[in-house]
Structure formats: C-alpha cells, structure tokens
C-alpha cells in the first residue's frame, strides 16, 4: 500500500512541475486546478484500494486492533507481485494470495456538465478477493 501512495504523490508532483513554464496566468491556474483534481482522485482511489486490501486480509482471517498493527503486519508479511504486461497486481500475505487487482487506469478529464453539477469519470480497474 505504501507503494501505491508513493505512486500517487509522484504523479501529482509531475503534474505540478509542468506548471512552471512561462504561461499566461489563467492557463497556469487551470493546470494547477487540473493537478489538484487529479491528486484528489488518486487519493480517493488509493483509500478505496486500501479498504479493499484490508477487507481481503480480513477474509483470510487477519484482524488488527489498530493502524500500527496493520502496517507492521503488512511490512513483515505482505508482498505484491506486479505484472505490467497483463496489468495485474496480486497481493500476498504469508505467501498466500488474497487479493487481485486488474488495473487499467482511465481518467476522463473532459467534464460532463449538467445544470448544477460537473462530473468526471475514473476507472481504476477491477478487484477480486482470492
């Protein structure tokens, strides 16, 4: 899970770095807004993915009293195998697979505007408890 959070921070940082060019003020503000929206999407998606991973551990019988206990367990007992060729990550606890994430991340930054709302869509892939 820490790797996913690091990935999010890197993506947001890269997006923010593109705003350092000499662009008109309005364009810079638009790019900063876009970077902020992307950052919030990734943050929410990573929290949801974290929830699914914790639920997968629970389904395998791993329960935790607090956040620190969970993090220590993950550091010492869990690993993730990433297969970018087929866009799959398999998560293991004590070498037992417990969660599969088939990822194909698609962010549609073209907003759909209705009378009172602006909507954007994000697809973070599909999940399977093993």
N, C-alpha and C. Protein backbone atom coordinates (compact mmCIF):
# COMPACT_ATOMS: atom_id res chain seq x y z
N UNK A 1 0.82 -1.19 0.00
CA UNK A 1 0.00 0.00 0.00
C UNK A 1 0.87 1.26 0.00
N UNK A 2 1.99 1.20 0.66
CA UNK A 2 2.87 2.37 0.66
C UNK A 2 3.33 2.69 -0.75
N UNK A 3 3.57 1.68 -1.57
CA UNK A 3 3.99 1.91 -2.95
C UNK A 3 2.92 2.66 -3.73
N UNK A 4 1.66 2.32 -3.49
CA UNK A 4 0.58 3.00 -4.20
C UNK A 4 0.51 4.46 -3.79
N UNK A 5 0.69 4.76 -2.50
CA UNK A 5 0.67 6.13 -2.05
C UNK A 5 1.83 6.90 -2.68
N UNK A 6 3.00 6.29 -2.76
CA UNK A 6 4.16 6.92 -3.36
C UNK A 6 3.90 7.22 -4.83
N UNK A 7 3.27 6.29 -5.53
CA UNK A 7 2.93 6.49 -6.93
C UNK A 7 2.02 7.70 -7.08
N UNK A 8 1.04 7.83 -6.21
CA UNK A 8 0.13 8.96 -6.27
C UNK A 8 0.89 10.26 -6.11
N UNK A 9 1.74 10.33 -5.12
CA UNK A 9 2.49 11.56 -4.89
C UNK A 9 3.36 11.90 -6.08
N UNK A 10 3.98 10.92 -6.68
CA UNK A 10 4.83 11.18 -7.84
C UNK A 10 4.03 11.70 -9.01
N UNK A 11 2.85 11.13 -9.25
CA UNK A 11 2.03 11.60 -10.37
C UNK A 11 1.58 13.04 -10.15
N UNK A 12 1.19 13.37 -8.94
CA UNK A 12 0.76 14.73 -8.65
C UNK A 12 1.94 15.67 -8.79
N UNK A 13 3.09 15.29 -8.29
CA UNK A 13 4.28 16.12 -8.37
C UNK A 13 4.66 16.38 -9.82
N UNK A 14 4.62 15.35 -10.66
CA UNK A 14 4.95 15.53 -12.07
C UNK A 14 3.98 16.50 -12.72
N UNK A 15 2.71 16.40 -12.38
CA UNK A 15 1.71 17.28 -12.96
C UNK A 15 1.97 18.73 -12.53
N UNK A 16 2.32 18.94 -11.27
CA UNK A 16 2.58 20.28 -10.79
C UNK A 16 3.83 20.87 -11.43
N UNK A 17 4.83 20.04 -11.70
CA UNK A 17 6.05 20.54 -12.30
C UNK A 17 5.82 21.11 -13.69
N UNK A 18 4.81 20.64 -14.39
CA UNK A 18 4.56 21.14 -15.74
C UNK A 18 4.02 22.56 -15.72
N UNK A 19 3.63 23.07 -14.55
CA UNK A 19 3.08 24.42 -14.48
C UNK A 19 4.15 25.49 -14.32
N UNK A 20 5.41 25.13 -14.30
CA UNK A 20 6.48 26.09 -14.05
C UNK A 20 6.94 26.84 -15.30
N UNK A 21 6.33 26.61 -16.44
CA UNK A 21 6.70 27.30 -17.67
C UNK A 21 6.11 28.71 -17.65
N UNK A 22 6.61 29.54 -18.52
CA UNK A 22 6.09 30.91 -18.65
C UNK A 22 4.79 30.87 -19.46
N UNK A 23 3.72 30.63 -18.78
CA UNK A 23 2.41 30.56 -19.43
C UNK A 23 1.55 31.70 -18.90
N UNK A 24 0.54 32.07 -19.64
CA UNK A 24 -0.38 33.07 -19.11
C UNK A 24 -0.95 32.62 -17.76
N UNK A 25 -1.23 33.55 -16.90
CA UNK A 25 -1.70 33.26 -15.53
C UNK A 25 -2.92 32.34 -15.53
N UNK A 26 -3.88 32.58 -16.40
CA UNK A 26 -5.10 31.77 -16.44
C UNK A 26 -4.79 30.32 -16.77
N UNK A 27 -3.87 30.09 -17.70
CA UNK A 27 -3.50 28.73 -18.08
C UNK A 27 -2.79 28.04 -16.93
N UNK A 28 -1.93 28.76 -16.22
CA UNK A 28 -1.25 28.18 -15.07
C UNK A 28 -2.26 27.78 -14.00
N UNK A 29 -3.24 28.65 -13.75
CA UNK A 29 -4.26 28.34 -12.76
C UNK A 29 -5.08 27.13 -13.17
N UNK A 30 -5.39 27.04 -14.46
CA UNK A 30 -6.13 25.89 -14.96
C UNK A 30 -5.34 24.60 -14.77
N UNK A 31 -4.03 24.66 -15.06
CA UNK A 31 -3.20 23.46 -14.88
C UNK A 31 -3.09 23.09 -13.40
N UNK A 32 -3.00 24.08 -12.51
CA UNK A 32 -2.95 23.78 -11.08
C UNK A 32 -4.27 23.16 -10.61
N UNK A 33 -5.37 23.68 -11.13
CA UNK A 33 -6.68 23.10 -10.79
C UNK A 33 -6.76 21.66 -11.28
N UNK A 34 -6.31 21.44 -12.48
CA UNK A 34 -6.30 20.07 -13.04
C UNK A 34 -5.44 19.14 -12.19
N UNK A 35 -4.27 19.61 -11.77
CA UNK A 35 -3.39 18.81 -10.92
C UNK A 35 -4.05 18.52 -9.58
N UNK A 36 -4.76 19.49 -9.04
CA UNK A 36 -5.46 19.30 -7.77
C UNK A 36 -6.56 18.25 -7.90
N UNK A 37 -7.33 18.33 -8.99
CA UNK A 37 -8.40 17.35 -9.22
C UNK A 37 -7.82 15.95 -9.37
N UNK A 38 -6.75 15.82 -10.15
CA UNK A 38 -6.12 14.51 -10.33
C UNK A 38 -5.61 13.98 -8.99
N UNK A 39 -4.98 14.84 -8.22
CA UNK A 39 -4.47 14.44 -6.90
C UNK A 39 -5.57 13.95 -5.98
N UNK A 40 -6.70 14.65 -5.99
CA UNK A 40 -7.82 14.21 -5.15
C UNK A 40 -8.40 12.89 -5.63
N UNK A 41 -8.50 12.71 -6.96
CA UNK A 41 -8.98 11.43 -7.49
C UNK A 41 -8.08 10.29 -7.03
N UNK A 42 -6.78 10.45 -7.22
CA UNK A 42 -5.85 9.40 -6.82
C UNK A 42 -5.90 9.13 -5.33
N UNK A 43 -6.05 10.16 -4.54
CA UNK A 43 -6.14 9.98 -3.10
C UNK A 43 -7.37 9.15 -2.73
N UNK A 44 -8.50 9.51 -3.30
CA UNK A 44 -9.74 8.77 -3.01
C UNK A 44 -9.64 7.33 -3.52
N UNK A 45 -9.10 7.15 -4.70
CA UNK A 45 -8.97 5.80 -5.26
C UNK A 45 -8.01 4.95 -4.43
N UNK A 46 -6.92 5.54 -3.98
CA UNK A 46 -5.98 4.78 -3.15
C UNK A 46 -6.59 4.40 -1.80
N UNK A 47 -7.40 5.28 -1.22
CA UNK A 47 -8.09 4.95 0.03
C UNK A 47 -9.06 3.79 -0.20
N UNK A 48 -9.75 3.82 -1.33
CA UNK A 48 -10.68 2.73 -1.64
C UNK A 48 -9.93 1.43 -1.86
N UNK A 49 -8.81 1.47 -2.57
CA UNK A 49 -8.00 0.28 -2.79
C UNK A 49 -7.47 -0.24 -1.45
N UNK A 50 -7.04 0.65 -0.58
CA UNK A 50 -6.57 0.25 0.75
C UNK A 50 -7.69 -0.47 1.51
N UNK A 51 -8.90 0.06 1.45
CA UNK A 51 -10.05 -0.58 2.10
C UNK A 51 -10.24 -2.00 1.57
N UNK A 52 -10.18 -2.16 0.25
CA UNK A 52 -10.35 -3.49 -0.34
C UNK A 52 -9.25 -4.46 0.11
N UNK A 53 -8.03 -3.97 0.19
CA UNK A 53 -6.92 -4.83 0.62
C UNK A 53 -7.12 -5.26 2.07
N UNK A 54 -7.52 -4.33 2.94
CA UNK A 54 -7.77 -4.67 4.34
C UNK A 54 -8.91 -5.67 4.44
N UNK A 55 -9.94 -5.48 3.63
CA UNK A 55 -11.07 -6.43 3.61
C UNK A 55 -10.59 -7.81 3.14
N UNK A 56 -9.70 -7.84 2.15
CA UNK A 56 -9.15 -9.11 1.69
C UNK A 56 -8.37 -9.83 2.78
N UNK A 57 -7.61 -9.08 3.57
CA UNK A 57 -6.89 -9.68 4.70
C UNK A 57 -7.87 -10.22 5.74
N UNK A 58 -8.93 -9.48 6.01
CA UNK A 58 -9.94 -9.94 6.96
C UNK A 58 -10.57 -11.26 6.49
N UNK A 59 -10.83 -11.35 5.21
CA UNK A 59 -11.45 -12.57 4.67
C UNK A 59 -10.53 -13.79 4.78
N UNK A 60 -9.22 -13.53 4.91
CA UNK A 60 -8.26 -14.62 5.13
C UNK A 60 -8.00 -14.85 6.61
N UNK A 61 -8.71 -14.12 7.46
CA UNK A 61 -8.61 -14.33 8.91
C UNK A 61 -7.65 -13.41 9.64
N UNK A 62 -7.15 -12.39 8.98
CA UNK A 62 -6.23 -11.46 9.63
C UNK A 62 -7.01 -10.25 10.12
N UNK A 63 -7.04 -10.07 11.43
CA UNK A 63 -7.72 -8.92 12.05
C UNK A 63 -6.68 -8.09 12.80
N UNK A 64 -6.90 -6.78 12.89
CA UNK A 64 -5.93 -5.89 13.50
C UNK A 64 -6.63 -4.95 14.47
N UNK A 65 -5.97 -4.72 15.61
CA UNK A 65 -6.52 -3.85 16.64
C UNK A 65 -6.43 -2.37 16.27
N UNK A 66 -5.37 -2.01 15.56
CA UNK A 66 -5.17 -0.60 15.22
C UNK A 66 -4.35 -0.47 13.95
N UNK A 67 -4.19 0.73 13.50
CA UNK A 67 -3.49 1.02 12.25
C UNK A 67 -2.02 0.59 12.30
N UNK A 68 -1.37 0.82 13.44
CA UNK A 68 0.05 0.47 13.57
C UNK A 68 0.24 -1.05 13.45
N UNK A 69 -0.64 -1.80 14.06
CA UNK A 69 -0.57 -3.27 13.97
C UNK A 69 -0.74 -3.72 12.52
N UNK A 70 -1.67 -3.11 11.82
CA UNK A 70 -1.89 -3.42 10.40
C UNK A 70 -0.64 -3.11 9.58
N UNK A 71 -0.08 -1.93 9.76
CA UNK A 71 1.09 -1.53 8.99
C UNK A 71 2.29 -2.43 9.28
N UNK A 72 2.49 -2.81 10.54
CA UNK A 72 3.60 -3.71 10.89
C UNK A 72 3.40 -5.08 10.24
N UNK A 73 2.16 -5.57 10.24
CA UNK A 73 1.87 -6.85 9.61
C UNK A 73 2.17 -6.79 8.12
N UNK A 74 1.74 -5.74 7.47
CA UNK A 74 1.95 -5.61 6.03
C UNK A 74 3.44 -5.54 5.71
N UNK A 75 4.19 -4.75 6.48
CA UNK A 75 5.64 -4.64 6.24
C UNK A 75 6.35 -5.98 6.35
N UNK A 76 5.97 -6.78 7.33
CA UNK A 76 6.72 -8.01 7.58
C UNK A 76 6.13 -9.25 6.93
N UNK A 77 4.87 -9.21 6.49
CA UNK A 77 4.23 -10.43 5.99
C UNK A 77 3.62 -10.34 4.60
N UNK A 78 3.53 -9.15 4.06
CA UNK A 78 2.82 -9.00 2.78
C UNK A 78 3.77 -8.56 1.67
N UNK A 79 3.36 -8.93 0.46
CA UNK A 79 4.09 -8.51 -0.73
C UNK A 79 3.09 -8.40 -1.88
N UNK A 80 3.56 -7.74 -2.93
CA UNK A 80 2.72 -7.55 -4.11
C UNK A 80 3.53 -7.92 -5.34
N UNK A 81 2.96 -8.73 -6.20
CA UNK A 81 3.58 -9.06 -7.49
C UNK A 81 2.84 -8.30 -8.57
N UNK A 82 3.59 -7.45 -9.26
CA UNK A 82 3.00 -6.65 -10.32
C UNK A 82 3.36 -7.26 -11.67
N UNK A 83 2.35 -7.48 -12.50
CA UNK A 83 2.54 -7.98 -13.86
C UNK A 83 2.08 -6.91 -14.83
N UNK A 84 2.95 -5.94 -15.14
CA UNK A 84 2.53 -4.84 -16.01
C UNK A 84 2.17 -5.29 -17.42
N UNK A 85 2.71 -6.43 -17.85
CA UNK A 85 2.39 -6.92 -19.20
C UNK A 85 0.91 -7.25 -19.34
N UNK A 86 0.29 -7.72 -18.26
CA UNK A 86 -1.15 -8.02 -18.30
C UNK A 86 -1.94 -7.12 -17.35
N UNK A 87 -1.25 -6.12 -16.77
CA UNK A 87 -1.86 -5.12 -15.89
C UNK A 87 -2.60 -5.77 -14.72
N UNK A 88 -1.85 -6.60 -13.98
CA UNK A 88 -2.41 -7.26 -12.80
C UNK A 88 -1.43 -7.16 -11.64
N UNK A 89 -1.99 -6.93 -10.46
CA UNK A 89 -1.22 -6.99 -9.22
C UNK A 89 -1.87 -8.03 -8.32
N UNK A 90 -1.07 -8.96 -7.83
CA UNK A 90 -1.55 -9.96 -6.88
C UNK A 90 -0.91 -9.66 -5.54
N UNK A 91 -1.73 -9.57 -4.51
CA UNK A 91 -1.26 -9.28 -3.16
C UNK A 91 -1.23 -10.58 -2.35
N UNK A 92 -0.16 -10.76 -1.58
CA UNK A 92 0.05 -11.98 -0.80
C UNK A 92 0.24 -11.63 0.67
N UNK A 93 -0.26 -12.50 1.55
CA UNK A 93 0.02 -12.44 2.99
C UNK A 93 0.59 -13.80 3.36
N UNK A 94 1.81 -13.80 3.85
CA UNK A 94 2.50 -15.06 4.17
C UNK A 94 2.49 -16.01 2.97
N UNK A 95 2.76 -15.47 1.80
CA UNK A 95 2.82 -16.19 0.52
C UNK A 95 1.49 -16.81 0.10
N UNK A 96 0.41 -16.36 0.69
CA UNK A 96 -0.94 -16.81 0.31
C UNK A 96 -1.62 -15.65 -0.43
N UNK A 97 -2.02 -15.86 -1.70
CA UNK A 97 -2.69 -14.77 -2.41
C UNK A 97 -4.04 -14.46 -1.78
N UNK A 98 -4.32 -13.17 -1.61
CA UNK A 98 -5.61 -12.81 -1.00
C UNK A 98 -6.37 -11.74 -1.80
N UNK A 99 -5.70 -11.11 -2.77
CA UNK A 99 -6.35 -10.02 -3.48
C UNK A 99 -5.73 -9.85 -4.86
N UNK A 100 -6.57 -9.68 -5.87
CA UNK A 100 -6.11 -9.47 -7.24
C UNK A 100 -6.68 -8.14 -7.74
N UNK A 101 -5.80 -7.29 -8.25
CA UNK A 101 -6.21 -6.01 -8.81
C UNK A 101 -5.85 -6.02 -10.30
N UNK A 102 -6.84 -6.03 -11.14
CA UNK A 102 -6.64 -5.92 -12.59
C UNK A 102 -6.81 -4.44 -12.93
N UNK A 103 -5.71 -3.80 -13.21
CA UNK A 103 -5.76 -2.35 -13.35
C UNK A 103 -5.66 -1.90 -14.80
N UNK A 104 -6.46 -0.96 -15.11
CA UNK A 104 -6.44 -0.24 -16.38
C UNK A 104 -6.97 1.14 -16.01
N UNK A 105 -6.07 1.98 -15.55
CA UNK A 105 -6.48 3.26 -15.01
C UNK A 105 -6.82 4.21 -16.15
N UNK A 106 -8.06 4.70 -16.12
CA UNK A 106 -8.53 5.63 -17.15
C UNK A 106 -9.16 6.82 -16.44
N UNK A 107 -8.60 7.99 -16.66
CA UNK A 107 -9.17 9.21 -16.10
C UNK A 107 -9.67 10.05 -17.26
N UNK A 108 -10.96 10.32 -17.24
CA UNK A 108 -11.56 11.16 -18.28
C UNK A 108 -11.66 12.58 -17.72
N UNK A 109 -10.78 13.46 -18.18
CA UNK A 109 -10.77 14.83 -17.67
C UNK A 109 -11.67 15.76 -18.46
N UNK A 110 -12.48 15.20 -19.34
CA UNK A 110 -13.46 16.02 -20.05
C UNK A 110 -14.74 16.01 -19.23
N UNK A 111 -15.01 17.08 -18.53
CA UNK A 111 -16.16 17.08 -17.62
C UNK A 111 -17.49 17.00 -18.36
N UNK A 112 -18.42 16.34 -17.71
CA UNK A 112 -19.80 16.29 -18.18
C UNK A 112 -20.55 17.30 -17.32
N UNK A 113 -21.06 18.34 -17.91
CA UNK A 113 -21.70 19.40 -17.16
C UNK A 113 -23.21 19.31 -17.32
N UNK A 114 -23.89 19.30 -16.18
CA UNK A 114 -25.35 19.36 -16.19
C UNK A 114 -25.74 20.73 -15.61
N UNK A 115 -27.00 20.92 -15.29
CA UNK A 115 -27.44 22.22 -14.78
C UNK A 115 -26.67 22.67 -13.55
N UNK A 116 -26.44 21.76 -12.61
CA UNK A 116 -25.81 22.17 -11.35
C UNK A 116 -24.54 21.40 -11.01
N UNK A 117 -24.15 20.46 -11.83
CA UNK A 117 -23.03 19.60 -11.48
C UNK A 117 -22.02 19.51 -12.62
N UNK A 118 -20.80 19.24 -12.22
CA UNK A 118 -19.75 18.90 -13.18
C UNK A 118 -19.23 17.54 -12.76
N UNK A 119 -19.30 16.57 -13.64
CA UNK A 119 -18.89 15.21 -13.32
C UNK A 119 -17.71 14.80 -14.18
N UNK A 120 -16.83 14.01 -13.58
CA UNK A 120 -15.69 13.44 -14.30
C UNK A 120 -15.65 11.97 -13.93
N UNK A 121 -15.07 11.14 -14.79
CA UNK A 121 -15.06 9.71 -14.50
C UNK A 121 -13.64 9.19 -14.39
N UNK A 122 -13.50 8.17 -13.55
CA UNK A 122 -12.23 7.48 -13.35
C UNK A 122 -12.51 5.99 -13.26
N UNK A 123 -11.73 5.21 -13.98
CA UNK A 123 -11.82 3.75 -13.88
C UNK A 123 -10.47 3.26 -13.36
N UNK A 124 -10.49 2.63 -12.20
CA UNK A 124 -9.24 2.17 -11.56
C UNK A 124 -9.07 0.67 -11.70
N UNK A 125 -9.92 0.03 -12.48
CA UNK A 125 -9.77 -1.39 -12.73
C UNK A 125 -10.78 -2.20 -11.95
N UNK A 126 -10.54 -3.51 -11.89
CA UNK A 126 -11.43 -4.42 -11.17
C UNK A 126 -10.65 -5.17 -10.10
N UNK A 127 -11.38 -5.69 -9.12
CA UNK A 127 -10.79 -6.33 -7.95
C UNK A 127 -11.43 -7.69 -7.72
N UNK A 128 -10.64 -8.62 -7.20
CA UNK A 128 -11.16 -9.94 -6.85
C UNK A 128 -10.52 -10.36 -5.54
N UNK A 129 -11.35 -10.81 -4.60
CA UNK A 129 -10.82 -11.42 -3.38
C UNK A 129 -10.49 -12.88 -3.69
N UNK A 130 -9.33 -13.31 -3.31
CA UNK A 130 -8.90 -14.69 -3.59
C UNK A 130 -9.05 -15.57 -2.37
